[in-house]
């Protein structure tokens, strides 16, 4: 019989080879799952297989960093040429994205096509 280390908090266990004391790895041979030593020829069939499944929580939807559509509702516009449609006017929004001793980042949104860029 091989030595076994059990961690009850996660129901994880490791079996060790009785011949050379290395960790036994899972192996499948002819449809049968077994523990197998990778150093010596020892193997041991697994009689009670308890398979588990994992479920993942639904991740929260990511909001726009600038505050979404509401951030662009009451902003001013400025004369600047859009790179996408060559329109001459765009809305602008200034946000402090870096440390306080660095200048604010200016975000633009074209009044015509809605293209966004920053400066």
N, C-alpha and C. Protein backbone atom coordinates (compact mmCIF):
# COMPACT_ATOMS: atom_id res chain seq x y z
N UNK A 1 0.85 -1.18 0.00
CA UNK A 1 0.00 0.00 0.00
C UNK A 1 0.89 1.24 0.00
N UNK A 2 0.52 2.24 -0.78
CA UNK A 2 1.34 3.44 -0.88
C UNK A 2 1.00 4.42 0.23
N UNK A 3 1.93 5.30 0.51
CA UNK A 3 1.69 6.35 1.51
C UNK A 3 0.77 7.39 0.90
N UNK A 4 -0.01 8.06 1.74
CA UNK A 4 -0.97 9.03 1.24
C UNK A 4 -0.94 10.28 2.11
N UNK A 5 -0.89 11.45 1.47
CA UNK A 5 -0.98 12.73 2.16
C UNK A 5 -2.33 13.32 1.79
N UNK A 6 -3.13 13.69 2.79
CA UNK A 6 -4.48 14.19 2.54
C UNK A 6 -4.59 15.62 3.06
N UNK A 7 -5.16 16.47 2.25
CA UNK A 7 -5.49 17.83 2.64
C UNK A 7 -7.01 17.91 2.65
N UNK A 8 -7.63 17.89 3.82
CA UNK A 8 -9.08 17.79 3.92
C UNK A 8 -9.79 19.07 3.49
N UNK A 9 -9.12 20.22 3.53
CA UNK A 9 -9.79 21.45 3.16
C UNK A 9 -10.14 21.48 1.68
N UNK A 10 -9.35 20.86 0.85
CA UNK A 10 -9.66 20.85 -0.58
C UNK A 10 -9.91 19.44 -1.11
N UNK A 11 -9.89 18.44 -0.23
CA UNK A 11 -10.08 17.05 -0.61
C UNK A 11 -9.09 16.62 -1.69
N UNK A 12 -7.87 17.05 -1.55
CA UNK A 12 -6.81 16.73 -2.48
C UNK A 12 -5.86 15.77 -1.79
N UNK A 13 -5.46 14.75 -2.48
CA UNK A 13 -4.50 13.84 -1.88
C UNK A 13 -3.46 13.43 -2.89
N UNK A 14 -2.30 13.04 -2.37
CA UNK A 14 -1.21 12.56 -3.20
C UNK A 14 -0.83 11.16 -2.73
N UNK A 15 -0.62 10.30 -3.67
CA UNK A 15 -0.11 8.97 -3.35
C UNK A 15 1.36 8.92 -3.71
N UNK A 16 2.09 8.14 -2.93
CA UNK A 16 3.52 8.00 -3.15
C UNK A 16 3.84 6.54 -3.45
N UNK A 17 4.82 6.35 -4.29
CA UNK A 17 5.24 5.01 -4.69
C UNK A 17 5.84 4.27 -3.49
N UNK A 18 5.41 3.02 -3.22
CA UNK A 18 5.98 2.27 -2.09
C UNK A 18 7.41 1.79 -2.37
N UNK A 19 7.81 1.78 -3.66
CA UNK A 19 9.16 1.31 -4.00
C UNK A 19 10.21 2.41 -3.92
N UNK A 20 9.91 3.56 -4.54
CA UNK A 20 10.93 4.62 -4.63
C UNK A 20 10.51 5.94 -3.99
N UNK A 21 9.31 6.04 -3.44
CA UNK A 21 8.79 7.21 -2.72
C UNK A 21 8.58 8.44 -3.59
N UNK A 22 8.46 8.28 -4.88
CA UNK A 22 8.13 9.41 -5.75
C UNK A 22 6.62 9.57 -5.82
N UNK A 23 6.17 10.74 -6.24
CA UNK A 23 4.74 11.00 -6.36
C UNK A 23 4.18 10.18 -7.51
N UNK A 24 3.02 9.55 -7.27
CA UNK A 24 2.35 8.79 -8.32
C UNK A 24 1.47 9.74 -9.14
N UNK A 25 1.52 9.60 -10.45
CA UNK A 25 0.76 10.44 -11.36
C UNK A 25 -0.42 9.64 -11.92
N UNK A 26 -1.45 10.35 -12.35
CA UNK A 26 -2.59 9.68 -12.97
C UNK A 26 -2.22 9.26 -14.38
N UNK A 27 -2.69 8.07 -14.75
CA UNK A 27 -2.40 7.51 -16.06
C UNK A 27 -3.63 6.76 -16.52
N UNK A 28 -3.88 6.75 -17.82
CA UNK A 28 -5.00 5.98 -18.36
C UNK A 28 -4.44 4.89 -19.26
N UNK A 29 -4.86 3.67 -18.99
CA UNK A 29 -4.40 2.52 -19.76
C UNK A 29 -5.60 1.63 -20.05
N UNK A 30 -5.92 1.45 -21.31
CA UNK A 30 -7.04 0.62 -21.76
C UNK A 30 -8.35 1.01 -21.07
N UNK A 31 -8.62 2.30 -20.99
CA UNK A 31 -9.86 2.78 -20.41
C UNK A 31 -9.91 2.78 -18.90
N UNK A 32 -8.83 2.38 -18.23
CA UNK A 32 -8.79 2.33 -16.78
C UNK A 32 -7.85 3.42 -16.27
N UNK A 33 -8.31 4.17 -15.29
CA UNK A 33 -7.46 5.21 -14.69
C UNK A 33 -6.70 4.60 -13.53
N UNK A 34 -5.41 4.90 -13.46
CA UNK A 34 -4.57 4.31 -12.41
C UNK A 34 -3.50 5.30 -12.00
N UNK A 35 -2.91 5.05 -10.83
CA UNK A 35 -1.72 5.78 -10.40
C UNK A 35 -0.51 5.07 -10.96
N UNK A 36 0.44 5.86 -11.47
CA UNK A 36 1.63 5.25 -12.06
C UNK A 36 2.85 6.05 -11.64
N UNK A 37 3.89 5.32 -11.28
CA UNK A 37 5.16 5.96 -10.94
C UNK A 37 5.92 6.24 -12.24
N UNK A 38 6.51 7.42 -12.34
CA UNK A 38 7.25 7.77 -13.55
C UNK A 38 8.72 7.39 -13.46
N UNK A 39 9.13 6.83 -12.33
CA UNK A 39 10.53 6.44 -12.16
C UNK A 39 10.69 4.92 -12.26
N UNK A 40 9.83 4.20 -11.55
CA UNK A 40 9.91 2.74 -11.56
C UNK A 40 8.64 2.17 -12.20
N UNK A 41 8.56 0.88 -12.45
CA UNK A 41 7.39 0.32 -13.14
C UNK A 41 6.14 0.14 -12.28
N UNK A 42 6.08 0.68 -11.08
CA UNK A 42 4.94 0.49 -10.18
C UNK A 42 3.70 1.21 -10.71
N UNK A 43 2.53 0.57 -10.62
CA UNK A 43 1.25 1.20 -10.89
C UNK A 43 0.20 0.60 -9.97
N UNK A 44 -0.86 1.36 -9.74
CA UNK A 44 -1.93 0.93 -8.85
C UNK A 44 -3.26 1.40 -9.43
N UNK A 45 -4.21 0.47 -9.70
CA UNK A 45 -5.51 0.91 -10.23
C UNK A 45 -6.29 1.71 -9.19
N UNK A 46 -7.08 2.65 -9.66
CA UNK A 46 -7.91 3.45 -8.77
C UNK A 46 -9.30 2.84 -8.79
N UNK A 47 -9.81 2.47 -7.63
CA UNK A 47 -11.09 1.77 -7.55
C UNK A 47 -12.26 2.74 -7.44
N UNK A 48 -12.18 3.69 -6.55
CA UNK A 48 -13.27 4.64 -6.35
C UNK A 48 -12.88 5.98 -6.96
N UNK A 49 -13.38 6.24 -8.13
CA UNK A 49 -13.05 7.48 -8.81
C UNK A 49 -14.14 8.50 -8.50
N UNK A 50 -13.73 9.63 -7.96
CA UNK A 50 -14.65 10.70 -7.66
C UNK A 50 -14.27 11.89 -8.54
N UNK A 51 -15.02 12.09 -9.61
CA UNK A 51 -14.73 13.19 -10.51
C UNK A 51 -15.49 14.42 -10.04
N UNK A 52 -14.90 15.55 -10.19
CA UNK A 52 -15.52 16.80 -9.78
C UNK A 52 -15.70 17.71 -10.97
N UNK A 53 -16.44 18.75 -10.75
CA UNK A 53 -16.61 19.75 -11.79
C UNK A 53 -16.42 21.12 -11.16
N UNK A 54 -16.10 22.06 -12.00
CA UNK A 54 -15.91 23.43 -11.53
C UNK A 54 -16.95 24.32 -12.17
N UNK A 55 -17.43 25.26 -11.42
CA UNK A 55 -18.31 26.26 -11.98
C UNK A 55 -17.70 27.62 -11.69
N UNK A 56 -17.84 28.52 -12.62
CA UNK A 56 -17.25 29.83 -12.50
C UNK A 56 -18.34 30.88 -12.36
N UNK A 57 -18.08 31.87 -11.55
CA UNK A 57 -19.02 32.96 -11.38
C UNK A 57 -19.06 33.80 -12.64
N UNK A 58 -20.22 34.38 -12.91
CA UNK A 58 -20.33 35.28 -14.04
C UNK A 58 -19.57 36.56 -13.71
N UNK A 59 -18.68 36.95 -14.60
CA UNK A 59 -17.90 38.16 -14.37
C UNK A 59 -18.76 39.39 -14.58
N UNK A 60 -18.47 40.38 -13.81
CA UNK A 60 -19.19 41.63 -13.88
C UNK A 60 -18.85 42.34 -15.20
N UNK A 61 -19.83 42.97 -15.80
CA UNK A 61 -19.58 43.69 -17.05
C UNK A 61 -18.71 44.91 -16.75
N UNK A 62 -17.78 45.16 -17.65
CA UNK A 62 -16.84 46.26 -17.47
C UNK A 62 -17.47 47.55 -17.97
N UNK A 63 -17.50 48.54 -17.09
CA UNK A 63 -18.02 49.85 -17.47
C UNK A 63 -16.92 50.63 -18.17
N UNK A 64 -17.33 51.62 -18.91
CA UNK A 64 -16.37 52.48 -19.59
C UNK A 64 -15.54 53.24 -18.54
N UNK A 65 -14.26 53.37 -18.80
CA UNK A 65 -13.36 54.07 -17.87
C UNK A 65 -13.76 55.54 -17.74
N UNK A 66 -14.30 56.09 -18.81
CA UNK A 66 -14.67 57.50 -18.80
C UNK A 66 -16.08 57.74 -18.27
N UNK A 67 -16.80 56.71 -17.89
CA UNK A 67 -18.13 56.89 -17.34
C UNK A 67 -19.25 56.57 -18.32
N UNK A 68 -18.96 56.00 -19.47
CA UNK A 68 -19.98 55.60 -20.43
C UNK A 68 -20.57 56.79 -21.17
N UNK A 69 -21.80 56.62 -21.64
CA UNK A 69 -22.47 57.67 -22.42
C UNK A 69 -22.76 58.91 -21.58
N UNK A 70 -23.00 58.73 -20.30
CA UNK A 70 -23.34 59.86 -19.43
C UNK A 70 -22.20 60.87 -19.33
N UNK A 71 -20.97 60.43 -19.47
CA UNK A 71 -19.82 61.33 -19.36
C UNK A 71 -19.76 62.31 -20.52
N UNK A 72 -20.33 61.96 -21.67
CA UNK A 72 -20.26 62.82 -22.85
C UNK A 72 -21.50 63.72 -23.01
N UNK A 73 -22.43 63.71 -22.05
CA UNK A 73 -23.67 64.47 -22.21
C UNK A 73 -23.47 65.98 -22.10
N UNK A 74 -22.73 66.46 -21.14
CA UNK A 74 -22.57 67.90 -20.91
C UNK A 74 -21.14 68.36 -21.11
N UNK A 75 -20.58 68.05 -22.25
CA UNK A 75 -19.20 68.45 -22.52
C UNK A 75 -19.18 69.53 -23.60
N UNK A 76 -18.11 70.28 -23.64
CA UNK A 76 -17.94 71.33 -24.64
C UNK A 76 -17.34 70.74 -25.91
N UNK A 77 -17.42 71.52 -26.98
CA UNK A 77 -16.81 71.10 -28.23
C UNK A 77 -15.72 72.09 -28.60
N UNK A 78 -14.84 71.66 -29.46
CA UNK A 78 -13.68 72.46 -29.85
C UNK A 78 -13.41 72.24 -31.33
N UNK A 79 -12.74 73.21 -31.94
CA UNK A 79 -12.37 73.07 -33.35
C UNK A 79 -11.12 72.20 -33.44
N UNK A 80 -11.29 71.00 -33.92
CA UNK A 80 -10.18 70.07 -34.14
C UNK A 80 -10.62 69.11 -35.25
N UNK A 81 -9.71 68.68 -36.07
CA UNK A 81 -10.05 67.83 -37.21
C UNK A 81 -10.03 66.36 -36.81
N UNK A 82 -11.10 65.66 -37.16
CA UNK A 82 -11.22 64.23 -36.88
C UNK A 82 -10.35 63.45 -37.87
N UNK A 83 -9.62 62.47 -37.37
CA UNK A 83 -8.77 61.66 -38.23
C UNK A 83 -9.57 60.71 -39.11
N UNK A 84 -10.79 60.42 -38.74
CA UNK A 84 -11.61 59.44 -39.45
C UNK A 84 -12.41 60.07 -40.60
N UNK A 85 -13.12 61.18 -40.31
CA UNK A 85 -14.01 61.75 -41.33
C UNK A 85 -13.62 63.18 -41.74
N UNK A 86 -12.56 63.72 -41.17
CA UNK A 86 -12.06 65.08 -41.45
C UNK A 86 -13.06 66.18 -41.08
N UNK A 87 -13.98 65.87 -40.19
CA UNK A 87 -14.90 66.87 -39.69
C UNK A 87 -14.11 67.82 -38.80
N UNK A 88 -14.50 69.09 -38.73
CA UNK A 88 -13.71 70.09 -38.03
C UNK A 88 -14.10 70.37 -36.59
N UNK A 89 -14.99 69.56 -36.00
CA UNK A 89 -15.40 69.83 -34.62
C UNK A 89 -15.55 68.52 -33.86
N UNK A 90 -15.13 68.57 -32.56
CA UNK A 90 -15.22 67.38 -31.72
C UNK A 90 -15.49 67.79 -30.28
N UNK A 91 -16.17 66.92 -29.55
CA UNK A 91 -16.36 67.12 -28.11
C UNK A 91 -15.06 66.75 -27.42
N UNK A 92 -14.79 67.38 -26.27
CA UNK A 92 -13.58 67.01 -25.53
C UNK A 92 -13.87 66.86 -24.05
N UNK A 93 -13.07 66.02 -23.42
CA UNK A 93 -13.23 65.70 -22.01
C UNK A 93 -11.83 65.54 -21.43
N UNK A 94 -11.54 66.23 -20.32
CA UNK A 94 -10.24 66.13 -19.68
C UNK A 94 -10.34 65.26 -18.44
N UNK A 95 -9.43 64.27 -18.33
CA UNK A 95 -9.44 63.34 -17.21
C UNK A 95 -8.02 63.22 -16.68
N UNK A 96 -7.89 63.21 -15.35
CA UNK A 96 -6.58 63.02 -14.71
C UNK A 96 -6.32 61.52 -14.66
N UNK A 97 -5.55 60.99 -15.61
CA UNK A 97 -5.30 59.55 -15.68
C UNK A 97 -3.97 59.15 -15.05
N UNK A 98 -3.08 60.10 -14.88
CA UNK A 98 -1.77 59.81 -14.28
C UNK A 98 -1.65 60.53 -12.95
N UNK A 99 -0.46 60.63 -12.44
CA UNK A 99 -0.26 61.29 -11.14
C UNK A 99 -0.57 62.78 -11.25
N UNK A 100 -0.75 63.42 -10.11
CA UNK A 100 -1.19 64.82 -10.07
C UNK A 100 -0.17 65.79 -10.65
N UNK A 101 1.10 65.43 -10.65
CA UNK A 101 2.11 66.35 -11.17
C UNK A 101 2.27 66.27 -12.68
N UNK A 102 1.48 65.44 -13.35
CA UNK A 102 1.52 65.33 -14.81
C UNK A 102 0.24 65.93 -15.38
N UNK A 103 0.28 66.37 -16.64
CA UNK A 103 -0.91 67.01 -17.21
C UNK A 103 -2.07 66.04 -17.41
N UNK A 104 -3.27 66.60 -17.52
CA UNK A 104 -4.47 65.79 -17.73
C UNK A 104 -4.48 65.25 -19.16
N UNK A 105 -5.17 64.12 -19.34
CA UNK A 105 -5.33 63.53 -20.67
C UNK A 105 -6.62 64.07 -21.27
N UNK A 106 -6.55 64.49 -22.53
CA UNK A 106 -7.72 65.03 -23.22
C UNK A 106 -8.26 63.96 -24.15
N UNK A 107 -9.54 63.64 -24.00
CA UNK A 107 -10.22 62.67 -24.85
C UNK A 107 -11.15 63.44 -25.77
N UNK A 108 -11.18 63.04 -27.05
CA UNK A 108 -12.02 63.69 -28.05
C UNK A 108 -13.01 62.70 -28.62
N UNK A 109 -14.19 63.24 -29.01
CA UNK A 109 -15.21 62.44 -29.69
C UNK A 109 -15.77 63.32 -30.82
N UNK A 110 -15.66 62.83 -32.04
CA UNK A 110 -16.07 63.59 -33.21
C UNK A 110 -17.58 63.88 -33.15
N UNK A 111 -17.96 65.11 -33.45
CA UNK A 111 -19.37 65.50 -33.47
C UNK A 111 -20.12 64.86 -34.63
N UNK A 112 -19.40 64.47 -35.67
CA UNK A 112 -20.03 63.92 -36.87
C UNK A 112 -20.13 62.39 -36.85
N UNK A 113 -18.99 61.69 -36.69
CA UNK A 113 -18.98 60.22 -36.83
C UNK A 113 -18.86 59.48 -35.49
N UNK A 114 -18.55 60.19 -34.40
CA UNK A 114 -18.43 59.54 -33.09
C UNK A 114 -17.09 58.88 -32.85
N UNK A 115 -16.13 59.08 -33.75
CA UNK A 115 -14.79 58.51 -33.59
C UNK A 115 -14.16 59.09 -32.32
N UNK A 116 -13.46 58.25 -31.55
CA UNK A 116 -12.84 58.70 -30.31
C UNK A 116 -11.33 58.57 -30.40
N UNK A 117 -10.64 59.54 -29.85
CA UNK A 117 -9.18 59.48 -29.74
C UNK A 117 -8.76 60.32 -28.55
N UNK A 118 -7.48 60.22 -28.22
CA UNK A 118 -6.98 60.99 -27.08
C UNK A 118 -5.70 61.71 -27.47
N UNK A 119 -5.36 62.70 -26.66
CA UNK A 119 -4.15 63.48 -26.93
C UNK A 119 -3.34 63.60 -25.67
